[in-house]
Protein backbone atom coordinates (compact mmCIF):
# COMPACT_ATOMS: atom_id res chain seq x y z
CA MET A 1 4.33 14.92 21.31
CA ALA A 2 4.08 16.82 18.04
CA ARG A 3 2.85 15.00 15.00
CA ALA A 4 5.49 14.43 12.33
CA ALA A 5 5.09 16.28 9.08
CA THR A 6 3.68 14.20 6.26
CA THR A 7 6.81 15.00 4.31
CA ALA A 8 9.15 13.66 6.99
CA ASP A 9 9.44 10.15 5.56
CA ALA A 10 7.76 7.52 3.42
CA PHE A 11 5.82 6.11 6.41
CA ASN A 12 4.04 9.40 6.99
CA ALA A 13 3.54 10.08 3.29
CA VAL A 14 1.79 6.77 2.62
CA ALA A 15 -0.42 7.12 5.69
CA GLU A 16 -2.78 9.17 3.52
CA PRO A 17 -5.09 6.91 1.44
CA ARG A 18 -5.08 9.13 -1.67
CA ARG A 19 -1.28 8.98 -1.80
CA ARG A 20 -1.40 5.19 -1.62
CA GLN A 21 -3.92 5.29 -4.45
CA ILE A 22 -1.53 7.42 -6.52
CA LEU A 23 1.31 4.98 -5.84
CA ASP A 24 -0.94 2.09 -6.89
CA LEU A 25 -1.68 3.84 -10.17
CA LEU A 26 1.99 4.66 -10.79
CA ALA A 27 2.99 1.06 -10.04
CA GLY A 28 1.47 0.26 -13.45
CA GLY A 29 3.81 2.70 -15.18
CA GLU A 30 4.46 6.38 -15.46
CA LYS A 31 1.50 8.70 -15.95
CA PRO A 32 0.91 12.38 -16.68
CA VAL A 33 -0.78 14.42 -13.97
CA ASN A 34 -3.95 14.78 -16.06
CA ASP A 35 -4.34 10.98 -16.23
CA LEU A 36 -4.05 10.76 -12.44
CA VAL A 37 -6.60 13.57 -12.04
CA SER A 38 -9.01 11.79 -14.37
CA VAL A 39 -8.72 8.38 -12.68
CA LEU A 40 -8.82 9.73 -9.13
CA GLY A 41 -11.68 12.16 -9.80
CA LEU A 42 -9.94 14.86 -7.77
CA ALA A 43 -9.15 18.46 -8.59
CA GLN A 44 -5.75 18.95 -10.24
CA PRO A 45 -4.37 21.16 -7.43
CA LEU A 46 -5.17 18.45 -4.86
CA VAL A 47 -3.48 15.73 -6.92
CA SER A 48 -0.47 18.01 -7.42
CA LYS A 49 -0.29 18.60 -3.64
CA HIS A 50 -0.20 14.83 -3.00
CA LEU A 51 2.39 14.35 -5.74
CA ARG A 52 4.55 17.07 -4.18
CA VAL A 53 4.52 15.24 -0.84
CA LEU A 54 5.38 11.94 -2.53
CA ARG A 55 8.16 13.64 -4.49
CA GLU A 56 9.62 15.29 -1.37
CA VAL A 57 10.04 11.89 0.34
CA GLY A 58 11.42 10.38 -2.86
CA LEU A 59 8.51 8.03 -3.61
CA VAL A 60 7.87 9.53 -7.04
CA GLU A 61 10.03 11.15 -9.68
CA VAL A 62 8.88 13.62 -12.30
CA ARG A 63 10.02 14.50 -15.78
CA ASP A 64 8.80 17.02 -18.27
CA SER A 65 7.45 15.66 -21.53
CA GLY A 66 6.54 18.59 -23.71
CA ARG A 67 3.90 20.53 -21.80
CA GLN A 68 3.11 17.62 -19.46
CA ARG A 69 4.66 16.55 -16.20
CA VAL A 70 4.95 12.78 -16.11
CA TYR A 71 5.32 10.93 -12.81
CA ARG A 72 6.76 7.51 -12.07
CA ILE A 73 7.16 5.56 -8.86
CA ASN A 74 10.49 5.24 -7.12
CA ALA A 75 10.12 2.15 -4.94
CA ARG A 76 13.42 2.47 -3.05
CA PRO A 77 11.89 4.43 -0.13
CA LEU A 78 9.24 1.70 0.21
CA LYS A 79 12.02 -0.70 1.24
CA ASP A 80 11.97 0.61 4.82
CA ILE A 81 8.20 0.09 5.00
CA HIS A 82 8.52 -3.39 3.52
CA GLU A 83 11.24 -4.36 5.99
CA TRP A 84 9.19 -3.08 8.92
CA VAL A 85 6.02 -4.90 7.82
CA SER A 86 8.01 -8.04 7.07
CA GLY A 87 8.88 -8.22 10.74
CA TYR A 88 5.23 -9.04 11.38
CA GLN A 89 5.14 -11.81 8.78
CA ARG A 90 6.26 -14.43 11.32
CA LEU A 91 3.49 -13.33 13.69
CA TRP A 92 0.86 -13.60 10.96
CA ASP A 93 2.19 -16.96 9.80
CA GLU A 94 2.06 -18.34 13.36
CA ARG A 95 -1.51 -17.14 13.85
CA PHE A 96 -2.65 -18.58 10.54
CA ASP A 97 -0.94 -21.88 11.35
CA ARG A 98 -2.81 -22.01 14.69
CA MET A 99 -6.06 -21.17 12.96
CA ASP A 100 -5.45 -23.92 10.39
CA ALA A 101 -4.86 -26.40 13.22
CA VAL A 102 -8.09 -25.40 14.97
CA LEU A 103 -10.04 -25.67 11.71
CA GLU A 104 -8.55 -29.10 11.05
CA GLU A 105 -9.56 -30.24 14.55
CA LEU A 106 -13.11 -28.95 14.01
CA LYS A 107 -13.29 -30.72 10.67
CA GLU A 108 -12.13 -33.97 12.24
CA LEU A 109 -14.74 -33.60 15.01
CA GLU A 110 -17.43 -32.88 12.44
CA ASP A 111 -16.37 -35.90 10.35
CA GLY A 112 -16.44 -38.04 13.50
CA ASP A 113 -19.94 -36.83 14.36
CA GLU A 114 -21.17 -37.71 10.88
CA HIS A 115 -19.85 -41.29 11.24
CA ASP A 116 -21.54 -41.63 14.66
CA ASP A 117 -24.91 -41.00 12.99
CA ASP A 118 -24.48 -44.07 10.74
């Protein structure tokens, strides 16, 4: 089966760690490309390539501000990812609840052993 293009949807676009890093930075507010380049420590063409992919799937929007291109996050496409991940929330909650119960049992056993030593 052929691998989907990274520009096919938000899922594929955010699979790349640098793109997630860019989204994290833009979550704090809009930023010019040069600021992103500086923070990420990457070459400007590479940052621009990642921004193009994010823009093509609708995760970022761009506007011109004088001679700068300023990017901001568009969280709407993340909704599908959030909804998909949220489906696993119940599973995680159940596992953590079971782990809490086991830890409580171990604590009770440990407390009981301490009283036996008295």
